[in-house]
Amino acid sequence: MILALAARVFGMDAIAVLRRLAAAGVCAGVSEMTRHERGDGR
């Protein structure tokens, strides 16, 4: 729903930016999880 709204307001470029941000967030979350599993965290 948010993607559809962003597409109407900002165009297709906004969808590409949102997808990149979502992918970056997933990558950051996975790397954070693996860091804690290895014991590199606190």
N, C-alpha and C. Protein backbone atom coordinates (compact mmCIF):
# COMPACT_ATOMS: atom_id res chain seq x y z
N MET A 1 0.83 -1.19 0.00
CA MET A 1 0.00 0.00 0.00
C MET A 1 0.88 1.26 0.00
N ILE A 2 1.92 1.26 0.83
CA ILE A 2 2.81 2.42 0.87
C ILE A 2 3.53 2.58 -0.46
N LEU A 3 3.92 1.44 -1.07
CA LEU A 3 4.60 1.52 -2.36
C LEU A 3 3.68 2.10 -3.43
N ALA A 4 2.42 1.73 -3.39
CA ALA A 4 1.47 2.26 -4.37
C ALA A 4 1.29 3.76 -4.18
N LEU A 5 1.19 4.20 -2.95
CA LEU A 5 1.06 5.62 -2.67
C LEU A 5 2.30 6.39 -3.08
N ALA A 6 3.47 5.85 -2.77
CA ALA A 6 4.72 6.50 -3.15
C ALA A 6 4.86 6.57 -4.66
N ALA A 7 4.41 5.54 -5.36
CA ALA A 7 4.49 5.53 -6.82
C ALA A 7 3.63 6.63 -7.41
N ARG A 8 2.47 6.85 -6.83
CA ARG A 8 1.59 7.91 -7.34
C ARG A 8 2.13 9.30 -7.04
N VAL A 9 2.71 9.47 -5.86
CA VAL A 9 3.15 10.80 -5.45
C VAL A 9 4.51 11.14 -6.05
N PHE A 10 5.45 10.23 -5.95
CA PHE A 10 6.83 10.52 -6.33
C PHE A 10 7.28 9.87 -7.64
N GLY A 11 6.54 8.89 -8.11
CA GLY A 11 6.93 8.21 -9.33
C GLY A 11 7.70 6.93 -9.03
N MET A 12 8.18 6.30 -10.10
CA MET A 12 8.84 5.00 -9.96
C MET A 12 10.19 5.10 -9.26
N ASP A 13 10.83 6.25 -9.30
CA ASP A 13 12.12 6.41 -8.62
C ASP A 13 11.98 6.19 -7.12
N ALA A 14 10.86 6.61 -6.55
CA ALA A 14 10.64 6.44 -5.12
C ALA A 14 10.58 4.96 -4.75
N ILE A 15 9.99 4.15 -5.62
CA ILE A 15 9.90 2.71 -5.35
C ILE A 15 11.29 2.10 -5.33
N ALA A 16 12.13 2.51 -6.27
CA ALA A 16 13.51 1.99 -6.31
C ALA A 16 14.26 2.36 -5.03
N VAL A 17 14.09 3.59 -4.56
CA VAL A 17 14.76 4.04 -3.34
C VAL A 17 14.24 3.26 -2.14
N LEU A 18 12.94 3.07 -2.05
CA LEU A 18 12.37 2.32 -0.92
C LEU A 18 12.85 0.88 -0.92
N ARG A 19 12.96 0.28 -2.09
CA ARG A 19 13.44 -1.10 -2.16
C ARG A 19 14.89 -1.19 -1.70
N ARG A 20 15.70 -0.22 -2.09
CA ARG A 20 17.10 -0.23 -1.66
C ARG A 20 17.21 -0.04 -0.15
N LEU A 21 16.39 0.86 0.40
CA LEU A 21 16.41 1.06 1.85
C LEU A 21 15.97 -0.20 2.59
N ALA A 22 14.95 -0.87 2.07
CA ALA A 22 14.48 -2.09 2.71
C ALA A 22 15.56 -3.17 2.65
N ALA A 23 16.22 -3.29 1.51
CA ALA A 23 17.28 -4.29 1.37
C ALA A 23 18.44 -3.98 2.31
N ALA A 24 18.78 -2.70 2.44
CA ALA A 24 19.86 -2.31 3.34
C ALA A 24 19.49 -2.61 4.79
N GLY A 25 18.24 -2.40 5.14
CA GLY A 25 17.77 -2.69 6.49
C GLY A 25 17.83 -4.17 6.81
N VAL A 26 17.46 -5.00 5.84
CA VAL A 26 17.52 -6.45 6.03
C VAL A 26 18.96 -6.90 6.20
N CYS A 27 19.85 -6.38 5.36
CA CYS A 27 21.27 -6.75 5.46
C CYS A 27 21.85 -6.33 6.80
N ALA A 28 21.49 -5.15 7.27
CA ALA A 28 22.00 -4.67 8.55
C ALA A 28 21.47 -5.54 9.69
N GLY A 29 20.22 -5.93 9.62
CA GLY A 29 19.64 -6.78 10.66
C GLY A 29 20.30 -8.14 10.70
N VAL A 30 20.55 -8.73 9.53
CA VAL A 30 21.17 -10.05 9.48
C VAL A 30 22.60 -9.98 10.01
N SER A 31 23.35 -8.96 9.62
CA SER A 31 24.73 -8.86 10.09
C SER A 31 24.76 -8.62 11.60
N GLU A 32 23.81 -7.88 12.12
CA GLU A 32 23.74 -7.64 13.56
C GLU A 32 23.43 -8.94 14.31
N MET A 33 22.52 -9.75 13.75
CA MET A 33 22.18 -11.02 14.38
C MET A 33 23.37 -11.96 14.39
N THR A 34 24.08 -12.06 13.29
CA THR A 34 25.22 -12.97 13.23
C THR A 34 26.35 -12.48 14.12
N ARG A 35 26.49 -11.18 14.27
CA ARG A 35 27.53 -10.64 15.15
C ARG A 35 27.26 -11.04 16.59
N HIS A 36 25.99 -10.97 17.02
CA HIS A 36 25.65 -11.35 18.38
C HIS A 36 25.77 -12.85 18.60
N GLU A 37 25.47 -13.65 17.58
CA GLU A 37 25.58 -15.11 17.70
C GLU A 37 27.05 -15.53 17.88
N ARG A 38 27.95 -14.79 17.25
CA ARG A 38 29.38 -15.12 17.36
C ARG A 38 29.95 -14.66 18.69
N GLY A 39 29.24 -13.80 19.38
CA GLY A 39 29.74 -13.28 20.66
C GLY A 39 30.54 -12.01 20.52
N ASP A 40 30.46 -11.37 19.37
CA ASP A 40 31.17 -10.11 19.17
C ASP A 40 30.43 -8.93 19.79
N GLY A 41 29.21 -9.17 20.19
CA GLY A 41 28.43 -8.09 20.80
C GLY A 41 28.92 -7.81 22.21
N ARG A 42 28.04 -7.26 23.02
CA ARG A 42 28.42 -6.89 24.38
C ARG A 42 29.04 -8.01 25.13
